[in-house]
Every structure is written in C-alpha cells, then in structure tokens.
Amino acid sequence: QVQLVESGGCLVQAGGSLRLSCAASGITIGNNGVGWYRQAPGKQREPVAIIKSGGTTDYTESVKGRFTISRDNAKNNIYLQMNSLKPEDTAVYYCKILTVTCWGKGTQVAVSS
C-alpha cells in the first residue's frame, strides 16, 4: 500500500522560508518522476515543482528562483525548499509520485502579509 505523508507546513510571515518533506512508503521512489502540487482555497490543484524521471526539474513560473525541489532516494523522501514566501503561496501542498495515482493528505502552508 502506497503512502505519502507530507509535513513541514506552518504559518509564516511574508519573506520567510519553509522546508516541506514527503515520506513515501510502500513504493521505492527510485527514478520515478516526483513532484509537489498545491491547492489554494477555491482553486484547482496545480503543479508547483517536478523532478522528471530523467532528473531535470521544472517549476511553475510564480515560484522560479524561490522554490527548490529535491529528493533523497536513500531515505525515500521528497523535499520542497521554499524561500521568499508570498501570501499567494498560501495553500495545501501535496507531494506525488508521478506514476502513482494516490495523494497524501497534504500540509498547510499559510503566509501572512
């Protein structure tokens, strides 16, 4: 049974930083593509950052230069370092293994102005 458990969300002031973590179990991340998505209130879930199976990364335009996605295959974890946070980054953040359909429960990030 695949499980994804996100953590690290918090309430921070604009300009602050957070590091989100995602622990995967029931599956080896290996060379699968992985990503972080977010869903703000009243909006659709959107991709934020992805590491493709070949290792290249891709970011949504609004977070380029501020967010960094990484993975630790030994720990079977995925991370999202978020710097210079803005109020518009407020959302529930989810990690995903791109070849798997399930989602975790997410972690709430709230950025105050």
PDB file of N, CA and C in Angstrom:
ATOM      1  N   GLN A   1       0.841  -1.188   0.000  1.00  0.00           N
ATOM      2  CA  GLN A   1       0.000   0.000   0.000  1.00  0.00           C
ATOM      3  C   GLN A   1       0.882   1.246   0.000  1.00  0.00           C
ATOM      4  N   VAL A   2       0.683   2.074  -0.997  1.00  0.00           N
ATOM      5  CA  VAL A   2       1.478   3.289  -1.122  1.00  0.00           C
ATOM      6  C   VAL A   2       0.952   4.351  -0.164  1.00  0.00           C
ATOM      7  N   GLN A   3       1.862   4.960   0.554  1.00  0.00           N
ATOM      8  CA  GLN A   3       1.506   6.076   1.434  1.00  0.00           C
ATOM      9  C   GLN A   3       2.459   7.225   1.206  1.00  0.00           C
ATOM     10  N   LEU A   4       1.905   8.417   1.164  1.00  0.00           N
ATOM     11  CA  LEU A   4       2.691   9.637   1.064  1.00  0.00           C
ATOM     12  C   LEU A   4       2.295  10.522   2.231  1.00  0.00           C
ATOM     13  N   VAL A   5       3.260  10.917   3.028  1.00  0.00           N
ATOM     14  CA  VAL A   5       2.975  11.734   4.208  1.00  0.00           C
ATOM     15  C   VAL A   5       3.777  13.025   4.121  1.00  0.00           C
ATOM     16  N   GLU A   6       3.063  14.118   3.944  1.00  0.00           N
ATOM     17  CA  GLU A   6       3.699  15.425   3.860  1.00  0.00           C
ATOM     18  C   GLU A   6       3.791  16.061   5.248  1.00  0.00           C
ATOM     19  N   SER A   7       4.820  16.869   5.451  1.00  0.00           N
ATOM     20  CA  SER A   7       4.985  17.589   6.709  1.00  0.00           C
ATOM     21  C   SER A   7       5.785  18.856   6.471  1.00  0.00           C
ATOM     22  N   GLY A   8       5.780  19.713   7.479  1.00  0.00           N
ATOM     23  CA  GLY A   8       6.589  20.922   7.410  1.00  0.00           C
ATOM     24  C   GLY A   8       5.816  22.198   7.167  1.00  0.00           C
ATOM     25  N   GLY A   9       4.524  22.081   6.901  1.00  0.00           N
ATOM     26  CA  GLY A   9       3.719  23.275   6.682  1.00  0.00           C
ATOM     27  C   GLY A   9       3.540  24.056   7.971  1.00  0.00           C
ATOM     28  N   CYS A  10       3.354  25.359   7.837  1.00  0.00           N
ATOM     29  CA  CYS A  10       3.268  26.223   9.013  1.00  0.00           C
ATOM     30  C   CYS A  10       2.725  27.576   8.586  1.00  0.00           C
ATOM     31  N   LEU A  11       2.473  28.419   9.572  1.00  0.00           N
ATOM     32  CA  LEU A  11       2.134  29.815   9.325  1.00  0.00           C
ATOM     33  C   LEU A  11       3.414  30.636   9.434  1.00  0.00           C
ATOM     34  N   VAL A  12       3.752  31.350   8.368  1.00  0.00           N
ATOM     35  CA  VAL A  12       4.960  32.170   8.358  1.00  0.00           C
ATOM     36  C   VAL A  12       4.637  33.550   7.805  1.00  0.00           C
ATOM     37  N   GLN A  13       5.513  34.499   8.109  1.00  0.00           N
ATOM     38  CA  GLN A  13       5.351  35.844   7.552  1.00  0.00           C
ATOM     39  C   GLN A  13       5.917  35.895   6.143  1.00  0.00           C
ATOM     40  N   ALA A  14       5.413  36.805   5.375  1.00  0.00           N
ATOM     41  CA  ALA A  14       5.939  37.007   4.026  1.00  0.00           C
ATOM     42  C   ALA A  14       7.448  37.247   4.097  1.00  0.00           C
ATOM     43  N   GLY A  15       8.148  36.634   3.159  1.00  0.00           N
ATOM     44  CA  GLY A  15       9.601  36.728   3.141  1.00  0.00           C
ATOM     45  C   GLY A  15      10.293  35.590   3.856  1.00  0.00           C
ATOM     46  N   GLY A  16       9.532  34.808   4.598  1.00  0.00           N
ATOM     47  CA  GLY A  16      10.096  33.697   5.343  1.00  0.00           C
ATOM     48  C   GLY A  16      10.336  32.467   4.488  1.00  0.00           C
ATOM     49  N   SER A  17      10.836  31.429   5.142  1.00  0.00           N
ATOM     50  CA  SER A  17      11.177  30.178   4.447  1.00  0.00           C
ATOM     51  C   SER A  17      10.563  28.986   5.168  1.00  0.00           C
ATOM     52  N   LEU A  18      10.291  27.963   4.396  1.00  0.00           N
ATOM     53  CA  LEU A  18       9.845  26.676   4.931  1.00  0.00           C
ATOM     54  C   LEU A  18      10.465  25.565   4.109  1.00  0.00           C
ATOM     55  N   ARG A  19      10.615  24.425   4.746  1.00  0.00           N
ATOM     56  CA  ARG A  19      11.057  23.231   4.022  1.00  0.00           C
ATOM     57  C   ARG A  19      10.015  22.145   4.238  1.00  0.00           C
ATOM     58  N   LEU A  20       9.382  21.745   3.159  1.00  0.00           N
ATOM     59  CA  LEU A  20       8.398  20.679   3.226  1.00  0.00           C
ATOM     60  C   LEU A  20       9.076  19.337   2.968  1.00  0.00           C
ATOM     61  N   SER A  21       8.584  18.321   3.655  1.00  0.00           N
ATOM     62  CA  SER A  21       9.104  16.973   3.461  1.00  0.00           C
ATOM     63  C   SER A  21       7.962  16.041   3.092  1.00  0.00           C
ATOM     64  N   CYS A  22       8.302  15.012   2.360  1.00  0.00           N
ATOM     65  CA  CYS A  22       7.327  13.993   1.978  1.00  0.00           C
ATOM     66  C   CYS A  22       7.997  12.638   2.156  1.00  0.00           C
ATOM     67  N   ALA A  23       7.408  11.820   3.005  1.00  0.00           N
ATOM     68  CA  ALA A  23       7.921  10.475   3.237  1.00  0.00           C
ATOM     69  C   ALA A  23       7.062   9.485   2.473  1.00  0.00           C
ATOM     70  N   ALA A  24       7.679   8.712   1.627  1.00  0.00           N
ATOM     71  CA  ALA A  24       6.965   7.705   0.838  1.00  0.00           C
ATOM     72  C   ALA A  24       7.202   6.327   1.429  1.00  0.00           C
ATOM     73  N   SER A  25       6.156   5.520   1.464  1.00  0.00           N
ATOM     74  CA  SER A  25       6.276   4.127   1.888  1.00  0.00           C
ATOM     75  C   SER A  25       5.413   3.269   0.979  1.00  0.00           C
ATOM     76  N   GLY A  26       5.757   1.990   0.911  1.00  0.00           N
ATOM     77  CA  GLY A  26       5.021   1.083   0.046  1.00  0.00           C
ATOM     78  C   GLY A  26       5.458   1.131  -1.398  1.00  0.00           C
ATOM     79  N   ILE A  27       6.406   2.012  -1.678  1.00  0.00           N
ATOM     80  CA  ILE A  27       6.933   2.159  -3.031  1.00  0.00           C
ATOM     81  C   ILE A  27       8.324   2.770  -2.916  1.00  0.00           C
ATOM     82  N   THR A  28       9.211   2.380  -3.814  1.00  0.00           N
ATOM     83  CA  THR A  28      10.537   2.993  -3.859  1.00  0.00           C
ATOM     84  C   THR A  28      10.509   4.118  -4.873  1.00  0.00           C
ATOM     85  N   ILE A  29      10.868   5.320  -4.395  1.00  0.00           N
ATOM     86  CA  ILE A  29      10.838   6.468  -5.308  1.00  0.00           C
ATOM     87  C   ILE A  29      11.726   6.200  -6.515  1.00  0.00           C
ATOM     88  N   GLY A  30      12.922   5.718  -6.239  1.00  0.00           N
ATOM     89  CA  GLY A  30      13.842   5.368  -7.306  1.00  0.00           C
ATOM     90  C   GLY A  30      14.000   6.484  -8.321  1.00  0.00           C
ATOM     91  N   ASN A  31      13.846   6.152  -9.586  1.00  0.00           N
ATOM     92  CA  ASN A  31      13.987   7.137 -10.646  1.00  0.00           C
ATOM     93  C   ASN A  31      12.644   7.621 -11.169  1.00  0.00           C
ATOM     94  N   ASN A  32      11.577   7.338 -10.412  1.00  0.00           N
ATOM     95  CA  ASN A  32      10.270   7.856 -10.825  1.00  0.00           C
ATOM     96  C   ASN A  32      10.260   9.375 -10.772  1.00  0.00           C
ATOM     97  N   GLY A  33       9.523   9.959 -11.646  1.00  0.00           N
ATOM     98  CA  GLY A  33       9.293  11.391 -11.540  1.00  0.00           C
ATOM     99  C   GLY A  33       8.481  11.670 -10.280  1.00  0.00           C
ATOM    100  N   VAL A  34       8.822  12.769  -9.602  1.00  0.00           N
ATOM    101  CA  VAL A  34       8.108  13.151  -8.382  1.00  0.00           C
ATOM    102  C   VAL A  34       7.815  14.638  -8.456  1.00  0.00           C
ATOM    103  N   GLY A  35       6.849  15.067  -7.668  1.00  0.00           N
ATOM    104  CA  GLY A  35       6.506  16.478  -7.723  1.00  0.00           C
ATOM    105  C   GLY A  35       5.775  16.964  -6.499  1.00  0.00           C
ATOM    106  N   TRP A  36       5.698  18.269  -6.407  1.00  0.00           N
ATOM    107  CA  TRP A  36       4.902  18.952  -5.397  1.00  0.00           C
ATOM    108  C   TRP A  36       3.790  19.727  -6.108  1.00  0.00           C
ATOM    109  N   TYR A  37       2.602  19.653  -5.545  1.00  0.00           N
ATOM    110  CA  TYR A  37       1.438  20.353  -6.054  1.00  0.00           C
ATOM    111  C   TYR A  37       0.846  21.176  -4.913  1.00  0.00           C
ATOM    112  N   ARG A  38       0.002  22.125  -5.249  1.00  0.00           N
ATOM    113  CA  ARG A  38      -0.660  22.892  -4.205  1.00  0.00           C
ATOM    114  C   ARG A  38      -2.083  23.222  -4.626  1.00  0.00           C
ATOM    115  N   GLN A  39      -2.908  23.416  -3.618  1.00  0.00           N
ATOM    116  CA  GLN A  39      -4.296  23.789  -3.863  1.00  0.00           C
ATOM    117  C   GLN A  39      -4.685  24.892  -2.894  1.00  0.00           C
ATOM    118  N   ALA A  40      -4.943  26.058  -3.446  1.00  0.00           N
ATOM    119  CA  ALA A  40      -5.381  27.194  -2.652  1.00  0.00           C
ATOM    120  C   ALA A  40      -6.905  27.158  -2.518  1.00  0.00           C
ATOM    121  N   PRO A  41      -7.457  27.804  -1.501  1.00  0.00           N
ATOM    122  CA  PRO A  41      -8.913  27.802  -1.318  1.00  0.00           C
ATOM    123  C   PRO A  41      -9.645  28.291  -2.568  1.00  0.00           C
ATOM    124  N   GLY A  42     -10.606  27.507  -3.019  1.00  0.00           N
ATOM    125  CA  GLY A  42     -11.408  27.896  -4.160  1.00  0.00           C
ATOM    126  C   GLY A  42     -10.733  27.724  -5.506  1.00  0.00           C
ATOM    127  N   LYS A  43      -9.537  27.126  -5.497  1.00  0.00           N
ATOM    128  CA  LYS A  43      -8.810  26.952  -6.752  1.00  0.00           C
ATOM    129  C   LYS A  43      -8.513  25.485  -7.004  1.00  0.00           C
ATOM    130  N   GLN A  44      -8.163  25.176  -8.235  1.00  0.00           N
ATOM    131  CA  GLN A  44      -7.802  23.810  -8.591  1.00  0.00           C
ATOM    132  C   GLN A  44      -6.380  23.504  -8.133  1.00  0.00           C
ATOM    133  N   ARG A  45      -6.126  22.227  -7.905  1.00  0.00           N
ATOM    134  CA  ARG A  45      -4.774  21.808  -7.575  1.00  0.00           C
ATOM    135  C   ARG A  45      -3.871  22.048  -8.770  1.00  0.00           C
ATOM    136  N   GLU A  46      -2.670  22.574  -8.509  1.00  0.00           N
ATOM    137  CA  GLU A  46      -1.752  22.882  -9.594  1.00  0.00           C
ATOM    138  C   GLU A  46      -0.355  22.361  -9.284  1.00  0.00           C
ATOM    139  N   PRO A  47       0.391  22.010 -10.320  1.00  0.00           N
ATOM    140  CA  PRO A  47       1.774  21.585 -10.094  1.00  0.00           C
ATOM    141  C   PRO A  47       2.642  22.780  -9.715  1.00  0.00           C
ATOM    142  N   VAL A  48       3.545  22.567  -8.794  1.00  0.00           N
ATOM    143  CA  VAL A  48       4.459  23.614  -8.351  1.00  0.00           C
ATOM    144  C   VAL A  48       5.874  23.313  -8.819  1.00  0.00           C
ATOM    145  N   ALA A  49       6.317  22.095  -8.590  1.00  0.00           N
ATOM    146  CA  ALA A  49       7.686  21.723  -8.930  1.00  0.00           C
ATOM    147  C   ALA A  49       7.729  20.234  -9.205  1.00  0.00           C
ATOM    148  N   ILE A  50       8.512  19.864 -10.213  1.00  0.00           N
ATOM    149  CA  ILE A  50       8.595  18.464 -10.614  1.00  0.00           C
ATOM    150  C   ILE A  50      10.045  18.097 -10.888  1.00  0.00           C
ATOM    151  N   ILE A  51      10.417  16.902 -10.472  1.00  0.00           N
ATOM    152  CA  ILE A  51      11.659  16.292 -10.924  1.00  0.00           C
ATOM    153  C   ILE A  51      11.242  15.165 -11.862  1.00  0.00           C
ATOM    154  N   LYS A  52      11.606  15.278 -13.114  1.00  0.00           N
ATOM    155  CA  LYS A  52      11.244  14.261 -14.092  1.00  0.00           C
ATOM    156  C   LYS A  52      12.106  13.026 -13.897  1.00  0.00           C
ATOM    157  N   SER A  53      11.689  11.933 -14.512  1.00  0.00           N
ATOM    158  CA  SER A  53      12.400  10.677 -14.328  1.00  0.00           C
ATOM    159  C   SER A  53      13.850  10.784 -14.790  1.00  0.00           C
ATOM    160  N   GLY A  54      14.123  11.662 -15.718  1.00  0.00           N
ATOM    161  CA  GLY A  54      15.499  11.837 -16.185  1.00  0.00           C
ATOM    162  C   GLY A  54      16.327  12.739 -15.290  1.00  0.00           C
ATOM    163  N   GLY A  55      15.682  13.346 -14.286  1.00  0.00           N
ATOM    164  CA  GLY A  55      16.416  14.182 -13.352  1.00  0.00           C
ATOM    165  C   GLY A  55      16.259  15.671 -13.558  1.00  0.00           C
ATOM    166  N   THR A  56      15.674  16.077 -14.667  1.00  0.00           N
ATOM    167  CA  THR A  56      15.503  17.513 -14.889  1.00  0.00           C
ATOM    168  C   THR A  56      14.348  18.029 -14.029  1.00  0.00           C
ATOM    169  N   THR A  57      14.436  19.294 -13.669  1.00  0.00           N
ATOM    170  CA  THR A  57      13.405  19.897 -12.829  1.00  0.00           C
ATOM    171  C   THR A  57      12.598  20.919 -13.627  1.00  0.00           C
ATOM    172  N   ASP A  58      11.390  21.130 -13.162  1.00  0.00           N
ATOM    173  CA  ASP A  58      10.511  22.101 -13.809  1.00  0.00           C
ATOM    174  C   ASP A  58       9.694  22.774 -12.715  1.00  0.00           C
ATOM    175  N   TYR A  59       9.531  24.083 -12.835  1.00  0.00           N
ATOM    176  CA  TYR A  59       8.818  24.858 -11.820  1.00  0.00           C
ATOM    177  C   TYR A  59       7.752  25.712 -12.481  1.00  0.00           C
ATOM    178  N   THR A  60       6.660  25.904 -11.770  1.00  0.00           N
ATOM    179  CA  THR A  60       5.687  26.857 -12.253  1.00  0.00           C
ATOM    180  C   THR A  60       6.303  28.250 -12.164  1.00  0.00           C
ATOM    181  N   GLU A  61       5.926  29.108 -13.082  1.00  0.00           N
ATOM    182  CA  GLU A  61       6.600  30.393 -13.240  1.00  0.00           C
ATOM    183  C   GLU A  61       6.639  31.205 -11.946  1.00  0.00           C
ATOM    184  N   SER A  62       5.575  31.155 -11.180  1.00  0.00           N
ATOM    185  CA  SER A  62       5.470  32.018  -9.999  1.00  0.00           C
ATOM    186  C   SER A  62       6.428  31.650  -8.868  1.00  0.00           C
ATOM    187  N   VAL A  63       7.038  30.461  -8.934  1.00  0.00           N
ATOM    188  CA  VAL A  63       7.942  30.057  -7.848  1.00  0.00           C
ATOM    189  C   VAL A  63       9.388  29.931  -8.310  1.00  0.00           C
ATOM    190  N   LYS A  64       9.646  30.157  -9.570  1.00  0.00           N
ATOM    191  CA  LYS A  64      11.012  30.027 -10.086  1.00  0.00           C
ATOM    192  C   LYS A  64      11.941  30.987  -9.348  1.00  0.00           C
ATOM    193  N   GLY A  65      13.090  30.458  -8.942  1.00  0.00           N
ATOM    194  CA  GLY A  65      14.056  31.260  -8.216  1.00  0.00           C
ATOM    195  C   GLY A  65      13.799  31.319  -6.720  1.00  0.00           C
ATOM    196  N   ARG A  66      12.640  30.831  -6.274  1.00  0.00           N
ATOM    197  CA  ARG A  66      12.316  30.861  -4.841  1.00  0.00           C
ATOM    198  C   ARG A  66      12.183  29.461  -4.241  1.00  0.00           C
ATOM    199  N   PHE A  67      11.683  28.522  -5.017  1.00  0.00           N
ATOM    200  CA  PHE A  67      11.458  27.159  -4.532  1.00  0.00           C
ATOM    201  C   PHE A  67      12.472  26.207  -5.172  1.00  0.00           C
ATOM    202  N   THR A  68      12.842  25.178  -4.413  1.00  0.00           N
ATOM    203  CA  THR A  68      13.739  24.145  -4.930  1.00  0.00           C
ATOM    204  C   THR A  68      13.229  22.773  -4.513  1.00  0.00           C
ATOM    205  N   ILE A  69      13.018  21.921  -5.486  1.00  0.00           N
ATOM    206  CA  ILE A  69      12.600  20.552  -5.206  1.00  0.00           C
ATOM    207  C   ILE A  69      13.821  19.651  -5.187  1.00  0.00           C
ATOM    208  N   SER A  70      13.804  18.676  -4.290  1.00  0.00           N
ATOM    209  CA  SER A  70      14.911  17.722  -4.226  1.00  0.00           C
ATOM    210  C   SER A  70      14.375  16.380  -3.737  1.00  0.00           C
ATOM    211  N   ARG A  71      15.223  15.390  -3.840  1.00  0.00           N
ATOM    212  CA  ARG A  71      14.833  14.052  -3.428  1.00  0.00           C
ATOM    213  C   ARG A  71      15.996  13.373  -2.739  1.00  0.00           C
ATOM    214  N   ASP A  72      15.707  12.474  -1.830  1.00  0.00           N
ATOM    215  CA  ASP A  72      16.717  11.653  -1.187  1.00  0.00           C
ATOM    216  C   ASP A  72      16.269  10.208  -1.374  1.00  0.00           C
ATOM    217  N   ASN A  73      16.833   9.545  -2.351  1.00  0.00           N
ATOM    218  CA  ASN A  73      16.397   8.180  -2.650  1.00  0.00           C
ATOM    219  C   ASN A  73      16.722   7.222  -1.512  1.00  0.00           C
ATOM    220  N   ALA A  74      17.809   7.483  -0.802  1.00  0.00           N
ATOM    221  CA  ALA A  74      18.183   6.602   0.312  1.00  0.00           C
ATOM    222  C   ALA A  74      17.126   6.632   1.417  1.00  0.00           C
ATOM    223  N   LYS A  75      16.542   7.820   1.638  1.00  0.00           N
ATOM    224  CA  LYS A  75      15.511   7.960   2.662  1.00  0.00           C
ATOM    225  C   LYS A  75      14.105   7.813   2.089  1.00  0.00           C
ATOM    226  N   ASN A  76      14.020   7.724   0.762  1.00  0.00           N
ATOM    227  CA  ASN A  76      12.719   7.641   0.088  1.00  0.00           C
ATOM    228  C   ASN A  76      11.862   8.875   0.386  1.00  0.00           C
ATOM    229  N   ASN A  77      12.517  10.031   0.412  1.00  0.00           N
ATOM    230  CA  ASN A  77      11.864  11.294   0.723  1.00  0.00           C
ATOM    231  C   ASN A  77      11.969  12.280  -0.430  1.00  0.00           C
ATOM    232  N   ILE A  78      11.003  13.194  -0.450  1.00  0.00           N
ATOM    233  CA  ILE A  78      10.980  14.294  -1.405  1.00  0.00           C
ATOM    234  C   ILE A  78      10.884  15.590  -0.590  1.00  0.00           C
ATOM    235  N   TYR A  79      11.549  16.630  -1.046  1.00  0.00           N
ATOM    236  CA  TYR A  79      11.567  17.885  -0.293  1.00  0.00           C
ATOM    237  C   TYR A  79      11.203  19.063  -1.191  1.00  0.00           C
ATOM    238  N   LEU A  80      10.717  20.116  -0.546  1.00  0.00           N
ATOM    239  CA  LEU A  80      10.488  21.373  -1.248  1.00  0.00           C
ATOM    240  C   LEU A  80      10.972  22.493  -0.340  1.00  0.00           C
ATOM    241  N   GLN A  81      12.069  23.121  -0.723  1.00  0.00           N
ATOM    242  CA  GLN A  81      12.586  24.282  -0.009  1.00  0.00           C
ATOM    243  C   GLN A  81      11.910  25.514  -0.592  1.00  0.00           C
ATOM    244  N   MET A  82      11.257  26.276   0.277  1.00  0.00           N
ATOM    245  CA  MET A  82      10.508  27.449  -0.167  1.00  0.00           C
ATOM    246  C   MET A  82      11.074  28.688   0.513  1.00  0.00           C
ATOM    247  N   ASN A  83      11.601  29.592  -0.268  1.00  0.00           N
ATOM    248  CA  ASN A  83      12.170  30.833   0.240  1.00  0.00           C
ATOM    249  C   ASN A  83      11.367  32.025  -0.273  1.00  0.00           C
ATOM    250  N   SER A  84      11.560  33.152   0.378  1.00  0.00           N
ATOM    251  CA  SER A  84      10.890  34.397  -0.026  1.00  0.00           C
ATOM    252  C   SER A  84       9.399  34.170  -0.229  1.00  0.00           C
ATOM    253  N   LEU A  85       8.795  33.564   0.752  1.00  0.00           N
ATOM    254  CA  LEU A  85       7.379  33.208   0.627  1.00  0.00           C
ATOM    255  C   LEU A  85       6.500  34.443   0.518  1.00  0.00           C
ATOM    256  N   LYS A  86       5.430  34.287  -0.260  1.00  0.00           N
ATOM    257  CA  LYS A  86       4.476  35.360  -0.500  1.00  0.00           C
ATOM    258  C   LYS A  86       3.084  34.906  -0.054  1.00  0.00           C
ATOM    259  N   PRO A  87       2.208  35.837   0.269  1.00  0.00           N
ATOM    260  CA  PRO A  87       0.845  35.442   0.668  1.00  0.00           C
ATOM    261  C   PRO A  87       0.155  34.561  -0.377  1.00  0.00           C
ATOM    262  N   GLU A  88       0.461  34.786  -1.656  1.00  0.00           N
ATOM    263  CA  GLU A  88      -0.169  33.979  -2.700  1.00  0.00           C
ATOM    264  C   GLU A  88       0.348  32.545  -2.742  1.00  0.00           C
ATOM    265  N   ASP A  89       1.367  32.224  -1.932  1.00  0.00           N
ATOM    266  CA  ASP A  89       1.818  30.840  -1.814  1.00  0.00           C
ATOM    267  C   ASP A  89       0.973  30.050  -0.823  1.00  0.00           C
ATOM    268  N   THR A  90       0.063  30.720  -0.150  1.00  0.00           N
ATOM    269  CA  THR A  90      -0.801  30.046   0.812  1.00  0.00           C
ATOM    270  C   THR A  90      -1.634  28.975   0.123  1.00  0.00           C
ATOM    271  N   ALA A  91      -1.539  27.740   0.620  1.00  0.00           N
ATOM    272  CA  ALA A  91      -2.231  26.607   0.006  1.00  0.00           C
ATOM    273  C   ALA A  91      -1.937  25.351   0.822  1.00  0.00           C
ATOM    274  N   VAL A  92      -2.645  24.292   0.486  1.00  0.00           N
ATOM    275  CA  VAL A  92      -2.274  22.965   0.978  1.00  0.00           C
ATOM    276  C   VAL A  92      -1.331  22.365  -0.061  1.00  0.00           C
ATOM    277  N   TYR A  93      -0.203  21.888   0.394  1.00  0.00           N
ATOM    278  CA  TYR A  93       0.822  21.348  -0.502  1.00  0.00           C
ATOM    279  C   TYR A  93       0.824  19.820  -0.424  1.00  0.00           C
ATOM    280  N   TYR A  94       0.894  19.204  -1.587  1.00  0.00           N
ATOM    281  CA  TYR A  94       0.870  17.750  -1.709  1.00  0.00           C
ATOM    282  C   TYR A  94       2.077  17.278  -2.505  1.00  0.00           C
ATOM    283  N   CYS A  95       2.625  16.143  -2.105  1.00  0.00           N
ATOM    284  CA  CYS A  95       3.663  15.536  -2.933  1.00  0.00           C
ATOM    285  C   CYS A  95       3.027  14.410  -3.745  1.00  0.00           C
ATOM    286  N   LYS A  96       3.712  14.028  -4.802  1.00  0.00           N
ATOM    287  CA  LYS A  96       3.181  12.970  -5.658  1.00  0.00           C
ATOM    288  C   LYS A  96       4.309  12.254  -6.369  1.00  0.00           C
ATOM    289  N   ILE A  97       4.151  10.966  -6.479  1.00  0.00           N
ATOM    290  CA  ILE A  97       4.984  10.171  -7.375  1.00  0.00           C
ATOM    291  C   ILE A  97       4.201  10.087  -8.679  1.00  0.00           C
ATOM    292  N   LEU A  98       4.797  10.542  -9.758  1.00  0.00           N
ATOM    293  CA  LEU A  98       4.039  10.808 -10.968  1.00  0.00           C
ATOM    294  C   LEU A  98       3.419   9.563 -11.582  1.00  0.00           C
ATOM    295  N   THR A  99       3.971   8.401 -11.296  1.00  0.00           N
ATOM    296  CA  THR A  99       3.429   7.169 -11.868  1.00  0.00           C
ATOM    297  C   THR A  99       2.368   6.529 -10.984  1.00  0.00           C
ATOM    298  N   VAL A 100       2.063   7.162  -9.855  1.00  0.00           N
ATOM    299  CA  VAL A 100       1.098   6.619  -8.898  1.00  0.00           C
ATOM    300  C   VAL A 100      -0.067   7.593  -8.783  1.00  0.00           C
ATOM    301  N   THR A 101      -1.278   7.061  -8.704  1.00  0.00           N
ATOM    302  CA  THR A 101      -2.450   7.934  -8.707  1.00  0.00           C
ATOM    303  C   THR A 101      -2.812   8.477  -7.334  1.00  0.00           C
ATOM    304  N   CYS A 102      -2.292   7.908  -6.254  1.00  0.00           N
ATOM    305  CA  CYS A 102      -2.756   8.320  -4.932  1.00  0.00           C
ATOM    306  C   CYS A 102      -2.084   9.613  -4.471  1.00  0.00           C
ATOM    307  N   TRP A 103      -2.743  10.272  -3.532  1.00  0.00           N
ATOM    308  CA  TRP A 103      -2.265  11.510  -2.930  1.00  0.00           C
ATOM    309  C   TRP A 103      -2.175  11.344  -1.419  1.00  0.00           C
ATOM    310  N   GLY A 104      -1.312  12.107  -0.803  1.00  0.00           N
ATOM    311  CA  GLY A 104      -1.288  12.188   0.645  1.00  0.00           C
ATOM    312  C   GLY A 104      -2.334  13.174   1.124  1.00  0.00           C
ATOM    313  N   LYS A 105      -2.331  13.461   2.423  1.00  0.00           N
ATOM    314  CA  LYS A 105      -3.301  14.399   2.992  1.00  0.00           C
ATOM    315  C   LYS A 105      -2.863  15.843   2.855  1.00  0.00           C
ATOM    316  N   GLY A 106      -1.624  16.062   2.501  1.00  0.00           N
ATOM    317  CA  GLY A 106      -1.139  17.419   2.310  1.00  0.00           C
ATOM    318  C   GLY A 106      -0.686  18.074   3.595  1.00  0.00           C
ATOM    319  N   THR A 107      -0.032  19.211   3.454  1.00  0.00           N
ATOM    320  CA  THR A 107       0.410  20.003   4.593  1.00  0.00           C
ATOM    321  C   THR A 107       0.082  21.464   4.293  1.00  0.00           C
ATOM    322  N   GLN A 108      -0.479  22.157   5.289  1.00  0.00           N
ATOM    323  CA  GLN A 108      -0.956  23.513   5.088  1.00  0.00           C
ATOM    324  C   GLN A 108       0.168  24.528   5.229  1.00  0.00           C
ATOM    325  N   VAL A 109       0.297  25.367   4.239  1.00  0.00           N
ATOM    326  CA  VAL A 109       1.227  26.494   4.285  1.00  0.00           C
ATOM    327  C   VAL A 109       0.401  27.772   4.258  1.00  0.00           C
ATOM    328  N   ALA A 110       0.619  28.626   5.233  1.00  0.00           N
ATOM    329  CA  ALA A 110      -0.083  29.901   5.286  1.00  0.00           C
ATOM    330  C   ALA A 110       0.949  31.011   5.417  1.00  0.00           C
ATOM    331  N   VAL A 111       0.880  32.003   4.549  1.00  0.00           N
ATOM    332  CA  VAL A 111       1.839  33.099   4.543  1.00  0.00           C
ATOM    333  C   VAL A 111       1.086  34.393   4.818  1.00  0.00           C
ATOM    334  N   SER A 112       1.455  35.053   5.888  1.00  0.00           N
ATOM    335  CA  SER A 112       0.783  36.305   6.255  1.00  0.00           C
ATOM    336  C   SER A 112       1.551  37.490   5.696  1.00  0.00           C
ATOM    337  N   SER A 113       0.826  38.537   5.375  1.00  0.00           N
ATOM    338  CA  SER A 113       1.465  39.726   4.795  1.00  0.00           C
ATOM    339  C   SER A 113       1.920  40.682   5.875  1.00  0.00           C
TER     340      SER A 113
END
